[in-house]
C-alpha atoms as a PDB file:
ATOM      1  CA  MET A   1     153.120  52.797  62.667  1.00  0.00           C
ATOM      2  CA  ARG A   2     150.203  50.503  61.819  1.00  0.00           C
ATOM      3  CA  LEU A   3     147.864  53.499  61.921  1.00  0.00           C
ATOM      4  CA  ILE A   4     150.054  55.346  59.397  1.00  0.00           C
ATOM      5  CA  ILE A   5     150.051  52.345  57.066  1.00  0.00           C
ATOM      6  CA  LEU A   6     146.271  52.034  57.371  1.00  0.00           C
ATOM      7  CA  LEU A   7     145.792  55.735  56.603  1.00  0.00           C
ATOM      8  CA  ALA A   8     148.137  55.477  53.608  1.00  0.00           C
ATOM      9  CA  MET A   9     146.129  52.541  52.238  1.00  0.00           C
ATOM     10  CA  LEU A  10     142.879  54.477  52.671  1.00  0.00           C
ATOM     11  CA  VAL A  11     144.362  57.552  50.960  1.00  0.00           C
ATOM     12  CA  ILE A  12     145.448  55.391  48.014  1.00  0.00           C
ATOM     13  CA  GLY A  13     142.237  53.386  47.746  1.00  0.00           C
ATOM     14  CA  LEU A  14     139.516  55.961  48.377  1.00  0.00           C
ATOM     15  CA  PRO A  15     139.983  57.915  45.081  1.00  0.00           C
ATOM     16  CA  PHE A  16     139.155  54.729  43.158  1.00  0.00           C
ATOM     17  CA  ILE A  17     135.962  54.357  45.186  1.00  0.00           C
ATOM     18  CA  ILE A  18     135.054  58.014  44.630  1.00  0.00           C
ATOM     19  CA  SER A  19     135.524  57.673  40.868  1.00  0.00           C
ATOM     20  CA  GLN A  20     133.212  54.642  40.797  1.00  0.00           C
ATOM     21  CA  VAL A  21     130.587  56.428  42.894  1.00  0.00           C
ATOM     22  CA  ALA A  22     130.743  59.500  40.598  1.00  0.00           C
ATOM     23  CA  MET A  23     130.365  57.601  37.315  1.00  0.00           C
ATOM     24  CA  PRO A  24     126.553  57.152  37.396  1.00  0.00           C
ATOM     25  CA  TYR A  25     126.136  60.926  37.648  1.00  0.00           C
ATOM     26  CA  GLY A  26     127.706  61.763  34.311  1.00  0.00           C
ATOM     27  CA  ILE A  27     130.956  63.041  32.866  1.00  0.00           C
ATOM     28  CA  ALA A  28     130.856  66.422  34.598  1.00  0.00           C
ATOM     29  CA  VAL A  29     130.652  64.878  38.074  1.00  0.00           C
ATOM     30  CA  SER A  30     133.246  62.241  37.191  1.00  0.00           C
ATOM     31  CA  LEU A  31     135.629  65.031  36.176  1.00  0.00           C
ATOM     32  CA  ARG A  32     134.752  66.970  39.372  1.00  0.00           C
ATOM     33  CA  PHE A  33     134.315  70.071  37.204  1.00  0.00           C
ATOM     34  CA  LEU A  34     133.857  72.426  40.158  1.00  0.00           C
ATOM     35  CA  GLU A  35     137.055  71.237  41.829  1.00  0.00           C
ATOM     36  CA  ARG A  36     139.547  71.332  38.980  1.00  0.00           C
ATOM     37  CA  PRO A  37     140.020  72.749  35.464  1.00  0.00           C
ATOM     38  CA  THR A  38     138.517  70.609  32.701  1.00  0.00           C
ATOM     39  CA  ASN A  39     140.559  72.148  29.863  1.00  0.00           C
ATOM     40  CA  SER A  40     144.258  72.828  29.408  1.00  0.00           C
ATOM     41  CA  GLU A  41     143.431  75.927  27.352  1.00  0.00           C
ATOM     42  CA  LYS A  42     141.082  78.820  28.013  1.00  0.00           C
ATOM     43  CA  PRO A  43     138.351  78.629  29.058  1.00  0.00           C
ATOM     44  CA  LYS A  44     139.780  76.205  31.619  1.00  0.00           C
ATOM     45  CA  TYR A  45     136.568  75.873  33.619  1.00  0.00           C
ATOM     46  CA  THR A  46     133.732  74.332  31.626  1.00  0.00           C
ATOM     47  CA  ILE A  47     130.828  71.952  32.153  1.00  0.00           C
ATOM     48  CA  PRO A  48     131.340  68.776  30.099  1.00  0.00           C
ATOM     49  CA  PHE A  49     128.092  67.240  28.888  1.00  0.00           C
ATOM     50  CA  GLU A  50     127.463  63.631  27.899  1.00  0.00           C
ATOM     51  CA  THR A  51     128.290  64.517  24.290  1.00  0.00           C
ATOM     52  CA  ASP A  52     131.447  66.171  22.972  1.00  0.00           C
ATOM     53  CA  LYS A  53     129.889  69.565  23.675  1.00  0.00           C
ATOM     54  CA  THR A  54     131.198  71.708  26.540  1.00  0.00           C
ATOM     55  CA  VAL A  55     130.010  75.087  27.763  1.00  0.00           C
ATOM     56  CA  ASN A  56     131.684  77.786  29.797  1.00  0.00           C
ATOM     57  CA  LEU A  57     131.064  77.647  33.529  1.00  0.00           C
ATOM     58  CA  THR A  58     128.682  80.548  34.117  1.00  0.00           C
ATOM     59  CA  GLU A  59     125.615  81.229  36.227  1.00  0.00           C
ATOM     60  CA  ASP A  60     123.279  80.250  33.372  1.00  0.00           C
ATOM     61  CA  SER A  61     125.114  77.068  32.431  1.00  0.00           C
ATOM     62  CA  LEU A  62     125.482  75.957  36.053  1.00  0.00           C
ATOM     63  CA  THR A  63     121.794  76.651  36.730  1.00  0.00           C
ATOM     64  CA  LYS A  64     120.876  74.613  33.670  1.00  0.00           C
ATOM     65  CA  TRP A  65     123.185  71.755  34.684  1.00  0.00           C
ATOM     66  CA  THR A  66     121.862  71.582  38.258  1.00  0.00           C
ATOM     67  CA  GLY A  67     118.357  71.159  36.820  1.00  0.00           C
ATOM     68  CA  MET A  68     119.271  68.394  34.384  1.00  0.00           C
ATOM     69  CA  LYS A  69     117.579  65.019  34.899  1.00  0.00           C
ATOM     70  CA  GLY A  70     115.449  66.476  37.638  1.00  0.00           C
ATOM     71  CA  GLY A  71     118.472  67.637  39.624  1.00  0.00           C
ATOM     72  CA  ARG A  72     119.758  64.066  39.951  1.00  0.00           C
ATOM     73  CA  LEU A  73     123.298  64.922  38.756  1.00  0.00           C
ATOM     74  CA  ALA A  74     123.762  67.824  41.166  1.00  0.00           C
ATOM     75  CA  GLN A  75     122.231  65.815  43.987  1.00  0.00           C
ATOM     76  CA  GLY A  76     124.643  62.965  43.313  1.00  0.00           C
ATOM     77  CA  TYR A  77     127.582  65.377  43.393  1.00  0.00           C
ATOM     78  CA  ALA A  78     126.405  66.918  46.670  1.00  0.00           C
ATOM     79  CA  THR A  79     125.233  63.816  48.530  1.00  0.00           C
ATOM     80  CA  ARG A  80     127.542  61.090  47.196  1.00  0.00           C
ATOM     81  CA  VAL A  81     130.826  62.580  46.006  1.00  0.00           C
ATOM     82  CA  ILE A  82     131.310  65.453  48.457  1.00  0.00           C
ATOM     83  CA  PRO A  83     130.826  63.305  51.613  1.00  0.00           C
ATOM     84  CA  LEU A  84     133.456  60.867  50.322  1.00  0.00           C
ATOM     85  CA  ASP A  85     135.750  63.796  49.552  1.00  0.00           C
ATOM     86  CA  LEU A  86     135.320  65.005  53.132  1.00  0.00           C
ATOM     87  CA  LEU A  87     136.303  61.541  54.317  1.00  0.00           C
ATOM     88  CA  TYR A  88     139.325  61.608  52.012  1.00  0.00           C
ATOM     89  CA  LEU A  89     140.581  64.962  53.292  1.00  0.00           C
ATOM     90  CA  LEU A  90     140.398  63.657  56.863  1.00  0.00           C
ATOM     91  CA  PHE A  91     142.347  60.519  55.947  1.00  0.00           C
ATOM     92  CA  LEU A  92     144.997  62.441  53.993  1.00  0.00           C
ATOM     93  CA  GLY A  93     145.343  65.130  56.661  1.00  0.00           C
ATOM     94  CA  ALA A  94     145.630  62.501  59.383  1.00  0.00           C
ATOM     95  CA  PHE A  95     148.247  60.601  57.386  1.00  0.00           C
ATOM     96  CA  LEU A  96     150.372  63.712  56.897  1.00  0.00           C
ATOM     97  CA  GLY A  97     150.027  64.646  60.566  1.00  0.00           C
ATOM     98  CA  PHE A  98     150.753  61.253  62.113  1.00  0.00           C
ATOM     99  CA  ALA A  99     153.559  60.515  59.644  1.00  0.00           C
ATOM    100  CA  SER A 100     155.209  63.865  60.420  1.00  0.00           C
ATOM    101  CA  THR A 101     154.933  63.551  64.197  1.00  0.00           C
ATOM    102  CA  THR A 102     156.141  59.945  64.193  1.00  0.00           C
ATOM    103  CA  LEU A 103     159.198  60.793  62.104  1.00  0.00           C
ATOM    104  CA  ALA A 104     159.889  63.949  64.119  1.00  0.00           C
ATOM    105  CA  GLY A 105     159.934  61.841  67.269  1.00  0.00           C
ATOM    106  CA  ILE A 106     162.863  59.702  66.101  1.00  0.00           C
ATOM    107  CA  ILE A 107     165.279  62.370  64.868  1.00  0.00           C
ATOM    108  CA  GLN A 108     167.752  64.283  67.021  1.00  0.00           C
ATOM    109  CA  TRP A 109     169.316  66.684  64.497  1.00  0.00           C
ATOM    110  CA  PRO A 110     169.068  69.521  63.847  1.00  0.00           C
ATOM    111  CA  ALA A 111     168.466  70.441  67.479  1.00  0.00           C
ATOM    112  CA  SER A 112     166.158  73.322  66.551  1.00  0.00           C
ATOM    113  CA  LEU A 113     163.919  70.880  64.700  1.00  0.00           C
ATOM    114  CA  SER A 114     163.897  68.143  67.314  1.00  0.00           C
ATOM    115  CA  SER A 115     163.034  70.678  70.030  1.00  0.00           C
ATOM    116  CA  LEU A 116     159.849  71.814  68.293  1.00  0.00           C
ATOM    117  CA  PRO A 117     156.580  70.780  69.943  1.00  0.00           C
ATOM    118  CA  ILE A 118     154.773  67.919  68.228  1.00  0.00           C
ATOM    119  CA  SER A 119     151.830  70.204  67.523  1.00  0.00           C
ATOM    120  CA  ALA A 120     154.022  72.261  65.159  1.00  0.00           C
ATOM    121  CA  PHE A 121     154.145  69.342  62.717  1.00  0.00           C
ATOM    122  CA  TRP A 122     150.341  69.275  62.599  1.00  0.00           C
ATOM    123  CA  LEU A 123     150.129  72.836  61.252  1.00  0.00           C
ATOM    124  CA  LEU A 124     150.362  71.994  57.545  1.00  0.00           C
ATOM    125  CA  PRO A 125     148.031  68.956  57.716  1.00  0.00           C
ATOM    126  CA  ALA A 126     145.525  71.047  59.680  1.00  0.00           C
ATOM    127  CA  LEU A 127     145.688  73.848  57.098  1.00  0.00           C
ATOM    128  CA  TYR A 128     145.148  71.334  54.306  1.00  0.00           C
ATOM    129  CA  ILE A 129     142.075  69.926  56.071  1.00  0.00           C
ATOM    130  CA  LEU A 130     140.722  73.433  56.680  1.00  0.00           C
ATOM    131  CA  PHE A 131     141.176  74.637  53.081  1.00  0.00           C
ATOM    132  CA  ASP A 132     139.850  71.429  51.520  1.00  0.00           C
ATOM    133  CA  PHE A 133     136.817  71.519  53.826  1.00  0.00           C
ATOM    134  CA  ALA A 134     136.194  75.154  52.873  1.00  0.00           C
ATOM    135  CA  GLU A 135     136.459  74.197  49.191  1.00  0.00           C
ATOM    136  CA  ASP A 136     133.835  71.467  49.610  1.00  0.00           C
ATOM    137  CA  ILE A 137     131.490  73.851  51.423  1.00  0.00           C
ATOM    138  CA  SER A 138     131.898  76.347  48.566  1.00  0.00           C
ATOM    139  CA  ILE A 139     130.988  73.627  46.071  1.00  0.00           C
ATOM    140  CA  LEU A 140     127.856  72.773  48.037  1.00  0.00           C
ATOM    141  CA  VAL A 141     126.876  76.454  47.980  1.00  0.00           C
ATOM    142  CA  LEU A 142     127.313  76.583  44.192  1.00  0.00           C
ATOM    143  CA  LEU A 143     125.320  73.383  43.678  1.00  0.00           C
ATOM    144  CA  ASN A 144     122.420  74.696  45.738  1.00  0.00           C
ATOM    145  CA  TRP A 145     122.583  78.369  44.717  1.00  0.00           C
ATOM    146  CA  PRO A 146     124.117  78.642  41.213  1.00  0.00           C
ATOM    147  CA  SER A 147     123.333  82.372  41.156  1.00  0.00           C
ATOM    148  CA  THR A 148     126.160  82.932  43.651  1.00  0.00           C
ATOM    149  CA  ILE A 149     128.830  81.785  41.181  1.00  0.00           C
ATOM    150  CA  GLU A 150     130.237  85.269  40.539  1.00  0.00           C
ATOM    151  CA  LYS A 151     130.750  85.825  44.259  1.00  0.00           C
ATOM    152  CA  ILE A 152     131.709  82.304  45.294  1.00  0.00           C
ATOM    153  CA  PHE A 153     133.835  80.996  42.431  1.00  0.00           C
ATOM    154  CA  TRP A 154     136.839  83.200  43.135  1.00  0.00           C
ATOM    155  CA  VAL A 155     136.613  82.139  46.787  1.00  0.00           C
ATOM    156  CA  LEU A 156     136.495  78.503  45.660  1.00  0.00           C
ATOM    157  CA  THR A 157     139.566  79.070  43.484  1.00  0.00           C
ATOM    158  CA  ALA A 158     141.439  80.667  46.397  1.00  0.00           C
ATOM    159  CA  PHE A 159     140.605  77.752  48.697  1.00  0.00           C
ATOM    160  CA  ARG A 160     141.673  75.279  46.006  1.00  0.00           C
ATOM    161  CA  THR A 161     145.020  77.031  45.507  1.00  0.00           C
ATOM    162  CA  ALA A 162     145.632  77.200  49.263  1.00  0.00           C
ATOM    163  CA  LYS A 163     144.682  73.527  49.629  1.00  0.00           C
ATOM    164  CA  LEU A 164     147.114  72.433  46.926  1.00  0.00           C
ATOM    165  CA  LEU A 165     149.894  74.536  48.425  1.00  0.00           C
ATOM    166  CA  ALA A 166     149.272  73.169  51.925  1.00  0.00           C
ATOM    167  CA  VAL A 167     149.195  69.531  50.808  1.00  0.00           C
ATOM    168  CA  PHE A 168     152.299  69.970  48.633  1.00  0.00           C
ATOM    169  CA  VAL A 169     154.293  71.510  51.482  1.00  0.00           C
ATOM    170  CA  GLY A 170     152.825  68.903  53.845  1.00  0.00           C
ATOM    171  CA  PHE A 171     154.194  66.082  51.698  1.00  0.00           C
ATOM    172  CA  ALA A 172     157.519  67.936  51.461  1.00  0.00           C
ATOM    173  CA  GLN A 173     157.583  68.040  55.266  1.00  0.00           C
ATOM    174  CA  VAL A 174     157.037  64.267  55.457  1.00  0.00           C
ATOM    175  CA  PHE A 175     159.755  63.566  52.886  1.00  0.00           C
ATOM    176  CA  LEU A 176     162.205  65.887  54.666  1.00  0.00           C
ATOM    177  CA  LEU A 177     161.570  64.280  58.045  1.00  0.00           C
ATOM    178  CA  CYS A 178     161.804  60.842  56.475  1.00  0.00           C
ATOM    179  CA  GLY A 179     165.204  61.690  54.996  1.00  0.00           C
ATOM    180  CA  LEU A 180     166.460  63.081  58.290  1.00  0.00           C
ATOM    181  CA  SER A 181     165.223  59.988  60.132  1.00  0.00           C
ATOM    182  CA  PHE A 182     167.604  57.820  58.109  1.00  0.00           C
ATOM    183  CA  VAL A 183     170.698  59.821  59.071  1.00  0.00           C
ATOM    184  CA  CYS A 184     169.716  61.515  62.326  1.00  0.00           C
ATOM    185  CA  SER A 185     167.734  58.881  64.181  1.00  0.00           C
ATOM    186  CA  THR A 186     167.803  58.789  67.968  1.00  0.00           C
ATOM    187  CA  VAL A 187     168.476  55.035  67.622  1.00  0.00           C
ATOM    188  CA  PRO A 188     171.977  54.398  66.230  1.00  0.00           C
ATOM    189  CA  ILE A 189     171.987  52.496  62.949  1.00  0.00           C
ATOM    190  CA  ALA A 190     174.555  50.032  64.260  1.00  0.00           C
ATOM    191  CA  GLU A 191     172.236  49.143  67.142  1.00  0.00           C
ATOM    192  CA  VAL A 192     169.392  48.509  64.728  1.00  0.00           C
ATOM    193  CA  VAL A 193     171.617  46.231  62.598  1.00  0.00           C
ATOM    194  CA  ILE A 194     172.757  44.242  65.673  1.00  0.00           C
ATOM    195  CA  LYS A 195     169.148  43.759  66.792  1.00  0.00           C
ATOM    196  CA  LEU A 196     168.070  42.620  63.355  1.00  0.00           C
ATOM    197  CA  GLY A 197     171.013  40.206  63.168  1.00  0.00           C
ATOM    198  CA  GLY A 198     170.093  38.756  66.561  1.00  0.00           C
ATOM    199  CA  ARG A 199     166.510  38.189  65.460  1.00  0.00           C
ATOM    200  CA  ARG A 200     167.626  36.347  62.330  1.00  0.00           C
ATOM    201  CA  ARG A 201     169.927  34.012  64.279  1.00  0.00           C
ATOM    202  CA  SER A 202     167.162  33.234  66.744  1.00  0.00           C
END
């Protein structure tokens, strides 16, 4: 239980650290422009510059951006932000996995669910880790070889979509198991209340 709490705290706190680390490398890195849309309207994927100007994300614009300030911005993205993102995906995946298996271990209904092997509850967290890792590798490829954008960007988009789906369903799994643990725990609620009452009197 303490491990789950620690992982949850790291998952909550690490994005704030990542945002602070990204700030010195400009608006584009702070917005993580290769990882998420920067506009609500088309074109959704752009490269924000330090002024109000934005340009479409293309091979030419990405090549130009990676060379800005002697490559310092792209290097900061690749060597500062991405390693922290890799750390984050491990923490979040571990949280989803350990939270799911811990909750699954204390429920007894439905029988088909409680009879599943513990490894089954690691499937979604493992898929999230895999897809997020693949997304980060794709970003590193784009930062080092901008000319591959036409071939790699659709792959990056597919990994991003799969990652979001896996993490969404992973959280849904945790919430479902958490709900079932309140009503279908292997430890009767009355027994828990009696134990708590005994501790208070002592």
